[in-house]
Amino acid sequence: MTYSLNDKVVLITGAAGGIGAATARALFEQGARLVLTDLRQADVDALAAEFDPARVLALALDVTDMRASRLAVADAVRRFGRLDVVFANAGIAWDPPKTVLTVDDAEFEKIVEVDLLGVWRTVKAALPEIVKNRGQVLTTSSIYAFMNGTINAPYAISKAGVESFTRALRTELAGSGASASVLYPGWVKTPMTELAFGGNATVTRFLEALLPKPLRTLVAPETIAADVVKGLKKRAPRIISPSRWAAASLLRGVVISAFDRKLDTDETVREVVRQIEQDSQQSRGNKRKAA
């Protein structure tokens, strides 16, 4: 049976831009009531101004704070009487890229804190309502869940963890009437991807050596949002968008091995890694001098 989104209450983290904002608009068109959350109140207020105020609640939320996550869910229930869908979408990545050898410890751990543990906190806070209302959990993973995370290790680690977490949760919820789905976006045109697509020449060179052109094509957030709506209506276990990445996921055992071999032996990749390490070490040295 199709899961109707009309009149459902949906909480979205990372709602102020990119996939979050596009999905909010798409869900509103489906008749959903929205709980929009992001770090800055002004940012979610600006998005909320696009919608009927009777159907939207805008909240500042730091997903690294479990108490704040539970309060956001309580505010949603107090305002709308229920919560049907939670979309744990908030995420960050580092800029500029670094290797495991040269990254600052705190920066690495911050990304994992937001991108993996932030998803855990969001879902955990919302889960009693989701189960009670036989609703849905949706988490944002990434193609990095099954692709090599060279120069992007904490992001890749987090997205692989989000995938595993959500798959386990879906099975645990199977007898409850609730469900959980994983979103795997490909390259999406957002500020986060500007670095890799022209914003940093070294990273752009890395991607050009790594992937064929069709897999380096950016898609609009609205494309991802449309696929999210379709996936939620079907309670799909996975939403891969754009669909050209589906084969890589399906054949990941073969693809990953071949992909890793290419990365391990490609001279351009080695040059890029060395350059990124040199840039990172130079930057840290400059910071020490400035201090």
C-alpha atoms as a PDB file:
ATOM      1  CA  MET A   1       0.000   0.000   0.000  1.00  0.00           C
ATOM      2  CA  THR A   2       1.127   3.552  -0.732  1.00  0.00           C
ATOM      3  CA  TYR A   3       2.118   5.601   2.313  1.00  0.00           C
ATOM      4  CA  SER A   4       0.276   8.908   2.007  1.00  0.00           C
ATOM      5  CA  LEU A   5       2.274  11.966   3.048  1.00  0.00           C
ATOM      6  CA  ASN A   6      -0.790  14.172   3.273  1.00  0.00           C
ATOM      7  CA  ASP A   7      -1.149  15.618   6.778  1.00  0.00           C
ATOM      8  CA  LYS A   8       1.867  13.640   8.030  1.00  0.00           C
ATOM      9  CA  VAL A   9       4.235  15.458  10.397  1.00  0.00           C
ATOM     10  CA  VAL A  10       7.838  15.308   9.167  1.00  0.00           C
ATOM     11  CA  LEU A  11      10.884  16.469  11.132  1.00  0.00           C
ATOM     12  CA  ILE A  12      13.932  17.315   8.996  1.00  0.00           C
ATOM     13  CA  THR A  13      17.429  18.021  10.300  1.00  0.00           C
ATOM     14  CA  GLY A  14      19.797  20.022   8.125  1.00  0.00           C
ATOM     15  CA  ALA A  15      16.694  21.602   6.618  1.00  0.00           C
ATOM     16  CA  ALA A  16      18.004  25.075   5.811  1.00  0.00           C
ATOM     17  CA  GLY A  17      19.653  24.259   2.472  1.00  0.00           C
ATOM     18  CA  GLY A  18      20.487  21.689  -0.167  1.00  0.00           C
ATOM     19  CA  ILE A  19      18.694  18.356   0.064  1.00  0.00           C
ATOM     20  CA  GLY A  20      16.931  19.329   3.302  1.00  0.00           C
ATOM     21  CA  ALA A  21      15.316  22.480   1.916  1.00  0.00           C
ATOM     22  CA  ALA A  22      14.400  20.868  -1.414  1.00  0.00           C
ATOM     23  CA  THR A  23      12.810  17.921   0.385  1.00  0.00           C
ATOM     24  CA  ALA A  24      10.872  20.241   2.679  1.00  0.00           C
ATOM     25  CA  ARG A  25       9.363  21.956  -0.359  1.00  0.00           C
ATOM     26  CA  ALA A  26       8.530  18.651  -2.041  1.00  0.00           C
ATOM     27  CA  LEU A  27       6.897  17.261   1.105  1.00  0.00           C
ATOM     28  CA  PHE A  28       4.885  20.434   1.637  1.00  0.00           C
ATOM     29  CA  GLU A  29       3.477  20.016  -1.885  1.00  0.00           C
ATOM     30  CA  GLN A  30       2.381  16.527  -0.801  1.00  0.00           C
ATOM     31  CA  GLY A  31       0.388  18.007   2.084  1.00  0.00           C
ATOM     32  CA  ALA A  32       2.852  17.273   4.887  1.00  0.00           C
ATOM     33  CA  ARG A  33       3.294  19.382   7.991  1.00  0.00           C
ATOM     34  CA  LEU A  34       6.938  20.302   8.549  1.00  0.00           C
ATOM     35  CA  VAL A  35       9.267  20.593  11.514  1.00  0.00           C
ATOM     36  CA  LEU A  36      12.334  22.320  10.085  1.00  0.00           C
ATOM     37  CA  THR A  37      15.545  22.193  12.108  1.00  0.00           C
ATOM     38  CA  ASP A  38      19.077  23.439  11.560  1.00  0.00           C
ATOM     39  CA  LEU A  39      21.856  25.030  13.581  1.00  0.00           C
ATOM     40  CA  ARG A  40      20.745  28.651  13.133  1.00  0.00           C
ATOM     41  CA  GLN A  41      17.230  29.827  13.910  1.00  0.00           C
ATOM     42  CA  ALA A  42      17.458  32.574  11.286  1.00  0.00           C
ATOM     43  CA  ASP A  43      18.148  30.019   8.546  1.00  0.00           C
ATOM     44  CA  VAL A  44      15.138  27.810   9.289  1.00  0.00           C
ATOM     45  CA  ASP A  45      12.967  30.889   9.796  1.00  0.00           C
ATOM     46  CA  ALA A  46      13.864  32.019   6.266  1.00  0.00           C
ATOM     47  CA  LEU A  47      12.830  28.650   4.831  1.00  0.00           C
ATOM     48  CA  ALA A  48       9.682  28.474   6.958  1.00  0.00           C
ATOM     49  CA  ALA A  49       8.569  31.824   5.531  1.00  0.00           C
ATOM     50  CA  GLU A  50       7.921  30.059   2.214  1.00  0.00           C
ATOM     51  CA  PHE A  51       5.150  27.934   3.730  1.00  0.00           C
ATOM     52  CA  ASP A  52       1.750  28.246   5.342  1.00  0.00           C
ATOM     53  CA  PRO A  53       2.603  29.056   8.984  1.00  0.00           C
ATOM     54  CA  ALA A  54      -0.148  26.721  10.157  1.00  0.00           C
ATOM     55  CA  ARG A  55       1.776  23.796   8.689  1.00  0.00           C
ATOM     56  CA  VAL A  56       5.343  24.572   9.722  1.00  0.00           C
ATOM     57  CA  LEU A  57       7.457  24.773  12.864  1.00  0.00           C
ATOM     58  CA  ALA A  58      11.028  26.120  12.683  1.00  0.00           C
ATOM     59  CA  LEU A  59      13.524  25.162  15.389  1.00  0.00           C
ATOM     60  CA  ALA A  60      17.240  25.678  15.947  1.00  0.00           C
ATOM     61  CA  LEU A  61      18.832  22.304  16.687  1.00  0.00           C
ATOM     62  CA  ASP A  62      22.354  21.046  17.246  1.00  0.00           C
ATOM     63  CA  VAL A  63      22.202  17.325  16.446  1.00  0.00           C
ATOM     64  CA  THR A  64      25.233  16.648  18.645  1.00  0.00           C
ATOM     65  CA  ASP A  65      23.005  17.389  21.668  1.00  0.00           C
ATOM     66  CA  MET A  66      20.697  14.506  22.631  1.00  0.00           C
ATOM     67  CA  ARG A  67      18.692  16.611  25.094  1.00  0.00           C
ATOM     68  CA  ALA A  68      18.072  19.238  22.409  1.00  0.00           C
ATOM     69  CA  SER A  69      17.004  16.511  19.976  1.00  0.00           C
ATOM     70  CA  ARG A  70      14.452  15.167  22.452  1.00  0.00           C
ATOM     71  CA  LEU A  71      13.159  18.682  23.123  1.00  0.00           C
ATOM     72  CA  ALA A  72      12.720  19.268  19.380  1.00  0.00           C
ATOM     73  CA  VAL A  73      10.608  16.114  19.116  1.00  0.00           C
ATOM     74  CA  ALA A  74       8.571  17.201  22.146  1.00  0.00           C
ATOM     75  CA  ASP A  75       8.022  20.633  20.558  1.00  0.00           C
ATOM     76  CA  ALA A  76       6.857  18.958  17.335  1.00  0.00           C
ATOM     77  CA  VAL A  77       4.351  16.788  19.188  1.00  0.00           C
ATOM     78  CA  ARG A  78       3.164  19.714  21.278  1.00  0.00           C
ATOM     79  CA  ARG A  79       2.552  21.769  18.120  1.00  0.00           C
ATOM     80  CA  PHE A  80       1.086  19.131  15.799  1.00  0.00           C
ATOM     81  CA  GLY A  81      -0.011  16.351  18.159  1.00  0.00           C
ATOM     82  CA  ARG A  82       2.206  13.679  16.583  1.00  0.00           C
ATOM     83  CA  LEU A  83       5.348  12.903  14.591  1.00  0.00           C
ATOM     84  CA  ASP A  84       5.160  10.504  11.628  1.00  0.00           C
ATOM     85  CA  VAL A  85       8.458  10.786   9.763  1.00  0.00           C
ATOM     86  CA  VAL A  86      11.950  11.799  10.837  1.00  0.00           C
ATOM     87  CA  PHE A  87      14.520  12.683   8.183  1.00  0.00           C
ATOM     88  CA  ALA A  88      17.997  12.638   9.781  1.00  0.00           C
ATOM     89  CA  ASN A  89      19.761  14.644   7.111  1.00  0.00           C
ATOM     90  CA  ALA A  90      22.209  17.012   8.849  1.00  0.00           C
ATOM     91  CA  GLY A  91      25.820  16.564   7.778  1.00  0.00           C
ATOM     92  CA  ILE A  92      29.152  18.318   7.349  1.00  0.00           C
ATOM     93  CA  ALA A  93      32.418  17.646   5.514  1.00  0.00           C
ATOM     94  CA  TRP A  94      35.868  19.135   5.829  1.00  0.00           C
ATOM     95  CA  ASP A  95      37.202  21.978   3.731  1.00  0.00           C
ATOM     96  CA  PRO A  96      39.897  21.711   2.500  1.00  0.00           C
ATOM     97  CA  PRO A  97      40.308  17.906   2.293  1.00  0.00           C
ATOM     98  CA  LYS A  98      42.958  16.160   4.351  1.00  0.00           C
ATOM     99  CA  THR A  99      44.434  12.729   4.896  1.00  0.00           C
ATOM    100  CA  VAL A 100      44.214  10.721   8.093  1.00  0.00           C
ATOM    101  CA  LEU A 101      47.908  11.440   8.703  1.00  0.00           C
ATOM    102  CA  THR A 102      47.596  15.224   8.604  1.00  0.00           C
ATOM    103  CA  VAL A 103      44.086  15.946   9.898  1.00  0.00           C
ATOM    104  CA  ASP A 104      43.538  17.610  13.257  1.00  0.00           C
ATOM    105  CA  ASP A 105      42.079  15.106  15.727  1.00  0.00           C
ATOM    106  CA  ALA A 106      39.189  17.329  16.765  1.00  0.00           C
ATOM    107  CA  GLU A 107      38.185  18.080  13.178  1.00  0.00           C
ATOM    108  CA  PHE A 108      38.007  14.374  12.290  1.00  0.00           C
ATOM    109  CA  GLU A 109      35.938  13.584  15.360  1.00  0.00           C
ATOM    110  CA  LYS A 110      33.591  16.544  14.823  1.00  0.00           C
ATOM    111  CA  ILE A 111      32.539  15.210  11.418  1.00  0.00           C
ATOM    112  CA  VAL A 112      31.819  11.764  12.863  1.00  0.00           C
ATOM    113  CA  GLU A 113      29.993  13.430  15.770  1.00  0.00           C
ATOM    114  CA  VAL A 114      27.616  15.263  13.429  1.00  0.00           C
ATOM    115  CA  ASP A 115      27.301  12.878  10.499  1.00  0.00           C
ATOM    116  CA  LEU A 116      27.012   9.579  12.380  1.00  0.00           C
ATOM    117  CA  LEU A 117      26.211  10.236  16.028  1.00  0.00           C
ATOM    118  CA  GLY A 118      23.964  13.148  15.049  1.00  0.00           C
ATOM    119  CA  VAL A 119      21.868  10.704  13.032  1.00  0.00           C
ATOM    120  CA  TRP A 120      21.759   8.311  15.987  1.00  0.00           C
ATOM    121  CA  ARG A 121      20.582  11.063  18.342  1.00  0.00           C
ATOM    122  CA  THR A 122      17.947  12.352  15.943  1.00  0.00           C
ATOM    123  CA  VAL A 123      16.523   8.905  15.295  1.00  0.00           C
ATOM    124  CA  LYS A 124      16.670   7.802  18.930  1.00  0.00           C
ATOM    125  CA  ALA A 125      14.817  10.929  20.063  1.00  0.00           C
ATOM    126  CA  ALA A 126      12.075  10.475  17.457  1.00  0.00           C
ATOM    127  CA  LEU A 127      11.723   6.695  17.500  1.00  0.00           C
ATOM    128  CA  PRO A 128       8.985   6.316  20.170  1.00  0.00           C
ATOM    129  CA  GLU A 129       6.702   8.602  18.135  1.00  0.00           C
ATOM    130  CA  ILE A 130       7.619   6.911  14.853  1.00  0.00           C
ATOM    131  CA  VAL A 131       6.781   3.472  16.247  1.00  0.00           C
ATOM    132  CA  LYS A 132       3.572   4.680  17.883  1.00  0.00           C
ATOM    133  CA  ASN A 133       2.371   6.179  14.595  1.00  0.00           C
ATOM    134  CA  ARG A 134       3.673   3.364  12.380  1.00  0.00           C
ATOM    135  CA  GLY A 135       5.743   5.955  10.601  1.00  0.00           C
ATOM    136  CA  GLN A 136       9.116   6.121   8.900  1.00  0.00           C
ATOM    137  CA  VAL A 137      12.755   6.896   9.624  1.00  0.00           C
ATOM    138  CA  LEU A 138      14.831   8.241   6.730  1.00  0.00           C
ATOM    139  CA  THR A 139      18.573   8.781   7.069  1.00  0.00           C
ATOM    140  CA  THR A 140      20.984  10.434   4.661  1.00  0.00           C
ATOM    141  CA  SER A 141      23.888   8.170   3.863  1.00  0.00           C
ATOM    142  CA  SER A 142      25.850   8.658   0.614  1.00  0.00           C
ATOM    143  CA  ILE A 143      27.488   6.859  -2.266  1.00  0.00           C
ATOM    144  CA  TYR A 144      30.490   7.069   0.085  1.00  0.00           C
ATOM    145  CA  ALA A 145      28.866   4.226   2.011  1.00  0.00           C
ATOM    146  CA  PHE A 146      30.230   1.907  -0.671  1.00  0.00           C
ATOM    147  CA  MET A 147      32.930   4.002  -2.388  1.00  0.00           C
ATOM    148  CA  ASN A 148      36.508   4.522  -1.208  1.00  0.00           C
ATOM    149  CA  GLY A 149      36.780   7.531   1.109  1.00  0.00           C
ATOM    150  CA  THR A 150      40.307   8.661   0.218  1.00  0.00           C
ATOM    151  CA  ILE A 151      40.877  12.281   1.405  1.00  0.00           C
ATOM    152  CA  ASN A 152      37.374  12.202   2.899  1.00  0.00           C
ATOM    153  CA  ALA A 153      37.730   9.470   5.512  1.00  0.00           C
ATOM    154  CA  PRO A 154      35.554  10.765   8.401  1.00  0.00           C
ATOM    155  CA  TYR A 155      32.677  11.524   6.043  1.00  0.00           C
ATOM    156  CA  ALA A 156      32.931   8.085   4.404  1.00  0.00           C
ATOM    157  CA  ILE A 157      33.177   6.340   7.776  1.00  0.00           C
ATOM    158  CA  SER A 158      30.085   8.170   8.979  1.00  0.00           C
ATOM    159  CA  LYS A 159      28.018   7.452   5.872  1.00  0.00           C
ATOM    160  CA  ALA A 160      28.909   3.746   5.949  1.00  0.00           C
ATOM    161  CA  GLY A 161      27.918   3.722   9.608  1.00  0.00           C
ATOM    162  CA  VAL A 162      24.609   5.445   8.848  1.00  0.00           C
ATOM    163  CA  GLU A 163      23.843   2.788   6.250  1.00  0.00           C
ATOM    164  CA  SER A 164      24.562  -0.079   8.661  1.00  0.00           C
ATOM    165  CA  PHE A 165      22.614   1.581  11.460  1.00  0.00           C
ATOM    166  CA  THR A 166      19.538   2.119   9.298  1.00  0.00           C
ATOM    167  CA  ARG A 167      19.552  -1.368   7.791  1.00  0.00           C
ATOM    168  CA  ALA A 168      19.667  -2.859  11.287  1.00  0.00           C
ATOM    169  CA  LEU A 169      16.903  -0.529  12.437  1.00  0.00           C
ATOM    170  CA  ARG A 170      14.667  -1.463   9.509  1.00  0.00           C
ATOM    171  CA  THR A 171      14.859  -5.138  10.477  1.00  0.00           C
ATOM    172  CA  GLU A 172      14.221  -4.342  14.134  1.00  0.00           C
ATOM    173  CA  LEU A 173      11.124  -2.327  13.181  1.00  0.00           C
ATOM    174  CA  ALA A 174       9.766  -4.890  10.726  1.00  0.00           C
ATOM    175  CA  GLY A 175       7.140  -6.260  13.085  1.00  0.00           C
ATOM    176  CA  SER A 176       6.044  -2.891  14.453  1.00  0.00           C
ATOM    177  CA  GLY A 177       4.404  -1.326  11.402  1.00  0.00           C
ATOM    178  CA  ALA A 178       7.120   1.343  11.287  1.00  0.00           C
ATOM    179  CA  SER A 179      10.038   1.287   8.844  1.00  0.00           C
ATOM    180  CA  ALA A 180      13.454   2.774   8.119  1.00  0.00           C
ATOM    181  CA  SER A 181      15.013   3.784   4.804  1.00  0.00           C
ATOM    182  CA  VAL A 182      18.481   4.863   3.665  1.00  0.00           C
ATOM    183  CA  LEU A 183      19.011   7.712   1.206  1.00  0.00           C
ATOM    184  CA  TYR A 184      22.156   7.447  -0.940  1.00  0.00           C
ATOM    185  CA  PRO A 185      22.645  10.755  -2.767  1.00  0.00           C
ATOM    186  CA  GLY A 186      25.231  10.953  -5.516  1.00  0.00           C
ATOM    187  CA  TRP A 187      26.987  14.200  -6.338  1.00  0.00           C
ATOM    188  CA  VAL A 188      24.496  16.965  -5.568  1.00  0.00           C
ATOM    189  CA  LYS A 189      24.862  20.627  -6.458  1.00  0.00           C
ATOM    190  CA  THR A 190      25.271  22.123  -2.982  1.00  0.00           C
ATOM    191  CA  PRO A 191      27.913  24.299  -1.266  1.00  0.00           C
ATOM    192  CA  MET A 192      29.441  21.097   0.137  1.00  0.00           C
ATOM    193  CA  THR A 193      30.321  19.830  -3.366  1.00  0.00           C
ATOM    194  CA  GLU A 194      31.668  23.125  -4.733  1.00  0.00           C
ATOM    195  CA  LEU A 195      35.073  22.163  -3.366  1.00  0.00           C
ATOM    196  CA  ALA A 196      35.286  19.010  -5.471  1.00  0.00           C
ATOM    197  CA  PHE A 197      33.871  20.559  -8.645  1.00  0.00           C
ATOM    198  CA  GLY A 198      36.150  23.477  -9.380  1.00  0.00           C
ATOM    199  CA  GLY A 199      36.529  24.985  -5.903  1.00  0.00           C
ATOM    200  CA  ASN A 200      39.785  23.138  -5.250  1.00  0.00           C
ATOM    201  CA  ALA A 201      41.930  22.286  -8.287  1.00  0.00           C
ATOM    202  CA  THR A 202      43.668  19.398  -6.523  1.00  0.00           C
ATOM    203  CA  VAL A 203      40.419  17.713  -5.511  1.00  0.00           C
ATOM    204  CA  THR A 204      38.897  18.301  -8.948  1.00  0.00           C
ATOM    205  CA  ARG A 205      41.915  16.610 -10.510  1.00  0.00           C
ATOM    206  CA  PHE A 206      41.503  13.711  -8.112  1.00  0.00           C
ATOM    207  CA  LEU A 207      37.863  13.162  -9.103  1.00  0.00           C
ATOM    208  CA  GLU A 208      38.634  13.433 -12.804  1.00  0.00           C
ATOM    209  CA  ALA A 209      41.252  10.686 -12.434  1.00  0.00           C
ATOM    210  CA  LEU A 210      38.915   8.591 -10.329  1.00  0.00           C
ATOM    211  CA  LEU A 211      35.504   8.559 -11.986  1.00  0.00           C
ATOM    212  CA  PRO A 212      34.109   8.528 -15.525  1.00  0.00           C
ATOM    213  CA  LYS A 213      32.305  11.708 -16.524  1.00  0.00           C
ATOM    214  CA  PRO A 214      28.749  10.342 -16.130  1.00  0.00           C
ATOM    215  CA  LEU A 215      29.473   9.644 -12.445  1.00  0.00           C
ATOM    216  CA  ARG A 216      30.889  13.143 -11.980  1.00  0.00           C
ATOM    217  CA  THR A 217      27.730  14.901 -13.129  1.00  0.00           C
ATOM    218  CA  LEU A 218      26.030  17.015 -10.491  1.00  0.00           C
ATOM    219  CA  VAL A 219      22.282  16.791  -9.942  1.00  0.00           C
ATOM    220  CA  ALA A 220      20.017  19.410  -8.403  1.00  0.00           C
ATOM    221  CA  PRO A 221      18.759  18.933  -4.822  1.00  0.00           C
ATOM    222  CA  GLU A 222      15.255  18.904  -6.277  1.00  0.00           C
ATOM    223  CA  THR A 223      16.087  15.658  -8.104  1.00  0.00           C
ATOM    224  CA  ILE A 224      17.007  14.020  -4.803  1.00  0.00           C
ATOM    225  CA  ALA A 225      13.879  15.448  -3.154  1.00  0.00           C
ATOM    226  CA  ALA A 226      11.608  14.004  -5.825  1.00  0.00           C
ATOM    227  CA  ASP A 227      13.169  10.581  -5.305  1.00  0.00           C
ATOM    228  CA  VAL A 228      12.767  10.937  -1.535  1.00  0.00           C
ATOM    229  CA  VAL A 229       9.036  11.547  -1.949  1.00  0.00           C
ATOM    230  CA  LYS A 230       8.704   8.496  -4.191  1.00  0.00           C
ATOM    231  CA  GLY A 231      10.720   6.373  -1.754  1.00  0.00           C
ATOM    232  CA  LEU A 232       8.717   7.423   1.294  1.00  0.00           C
ATOM    233  CA  LYS A 233       5.449   6.680  -0.485  1.00  0.00           C
ATOM    234  CA  LYS A 234       6.669   3.143  -1.200  1.00  0.00           C
ATOM    235  CA  ARG A 235       8.462   2.682   2.150  1.00  0.00           C
ATOM    236  CA  ALA A 236      11.495   1.790   0.035  1.00  0.00           C
ATOM    237  CA  PRO A 237      14.361   0.264   2.023  1.00  0.00           C
ATOM    238  CA  ARG A 238      16.854   2.285  -0.007  1.00  0.00           C
ATOM    239  CA  ILE A 239      16.643   5.411  -2.153  1.00  0.00           C
ATOM    240  CA  ILE A 240      19.578   5.757  -4.546  1.00  0.00           C
ATOM    241  CA  SER A 241      19.567   9.083  -6.359  1.00  0.00           C
ATOM    242  CA  PRO A 242      20.384   9.597  -9.147  1.00  0.00           C
ATOM    243  CA  SER A 243      19.629   6.048 -10.268  1.00  0.00           C
ATOM    244  CA  ARG A 244      22.880   5.711 -12.255  1.00  0.00           C
ATOM    245  CA  TRP A 245      24.604   4.854  -8.952  1.00  0.00           C
ATOM    246  CA  ALA A 246      22.319   1.854  -8.352  1.00  0.00           C
ATOM    247  CA  ALA A 247      24.527  -0.536 -10.333  1.00  0.00           C
ATOM    248  CA  ALA A 248      27.597   0.436  -8.298  1.00  0.00           C
ATOM    249  CA  SER A 249      25.670  -0.312  -5.101  1.00  0.00           C
ATOM    250  CA  LEU A 250      24.271  -3.589  -6.410  1.00  0.00           C
ATOM    251  CA  LEU A 251      27.683  -4.781  -7.607  1.00  0.00           C
ATOM    252  CA  ARG A 252      29.625  -3.233  -4.764  1.00  0.00           C
ATOM    253  CA  GLY A 253      31.630  -6.395  -4.038  1.00  0.00           C
ATOM    254  CA  VAL A 254      33.098  -6.324  -7.531  1.00  0.00           C
ATOM    255  CA  VAL A 255      33.135  -2.558  -7.988  1.00  0.00           C
ATOM    256  CA  ILE A 256      34.809  -1.786  -4.672  1.00  0.00           C
ATOM    257  CA  SER A 257      37.657  -4.230  -5.279  1.00  0.00           C
ATOM    258  CA  ALA A 258      38.340  -2.800  -8.726  1.00  0.00           C
ATOM    259  CA  PHE A 259      37.970   0.737  -7.441  1.00  0.00           C
ATOM    260  CA  ASP A 260      40.395   0.163  -4.584  1.00  0.00           C
ATOM    261  CA  ARG A 261      42.968  -1.396  -6.913  1.00  0.00           C
ATOM    262  CA  LYS A 262      42.802   1.658  -9.160  1.00  0.00           C
ATOM    263  CA  LEU A 263      43.225   4.018  -6.229  1.00  0.00           C
ATOM    264  CA  ASP A 264      46.122   2.028  -4.800  1.00  0.00           C
ATOM    265  CA  THR A 265      48.098   2.078  -8.049  1.00  0.00           C
ATOM    266  CA  ASP A 266      47.084   5.274  -9.848  1.00  0.00           C
ATOM    267  CA  GLU A 267      49.986   7.742  -9.971  1.00  0.00           C
ATOM    268  CA  THR A 268      47.697  10.770 -10.247  1.00  0.00           C
ATOM    269  CA  VAL A 269      45.924   9.704  -7.048  1.00  0.00           C
ATOM    270  CA  ARG A 270      49.291   9.365  -5.285  1.00  0.00           C
ATOM    271  CA  GLU A 271      50.366  12.811  -6.450  1.00  0.00           C
ATOM    272  CA  VAL A 272      47.096  14.337  -5.269  1.00  0.00           C
ATOM    273  CA  VAL A 273      47.389  12.685  -1.845  1.00  0.00           C
ATOM    274  CA  ARG A 274      50.959  13.972  -1.454  1.00  0.00           C
ATOM    275  CA  GLN A 275      49.904  17.482  -2.503  1.00  0.00           C
ATOM    276  CA  ILE A 276      46.988  17.507  -0.047  1.00  0.00           C
ATOM    277  CA  GLU A 277      49.287  16.394   2.763  1.00  0.00           C
ATOM    278  CA  GLN A 278      51.804  19.106   1.918  1.00  0.00           C
ATOM    279  CA  ASP A 279      49.072  21.753   1.787  1.00  0.00           C
ATOM    280  CA  SER A 280      47.638  20.568   5.104  1.00  0.00           C
ATOM    281  CA  GLN A 281      51.008  20.562   6.861  1.00  0.00           C
ATOM    282  CA  GLN A 282      51.817  24.015   5.500  1.00  0.00           C
ATOM    283  CA  SER A 283      48.463  25.341   6.688  1.00  0.00           C
ATOM    284  CA  ARG A 284      49.001  23.951  10.191  1.00  0.00           C
ATOM    285  CA  GLY A 285      52.474  25.464  10.265  1.00  0.00           C
ATOM    286  CA  ASN A 286      51.119  28.859   9.276  1.00  0.00           C
ATOM    287  CA  LYS A 287      48.493  28.666  12.020  1.00  0.00           C
ATOM    288  CA  ARG A 288      51.155  27.905  14.623  1.00  0.00           C
ATOM    289  CA  LYS A 289      53.222  30.903  13.501  1.00  0.00           C
ATOM    290  CA  ALA A 290      50.167  33.161  13.631  1.00  0.00           C
ATOM    291  CA  ALA A 291      49.413  31.991  17.163  1.00  0.00           C
END
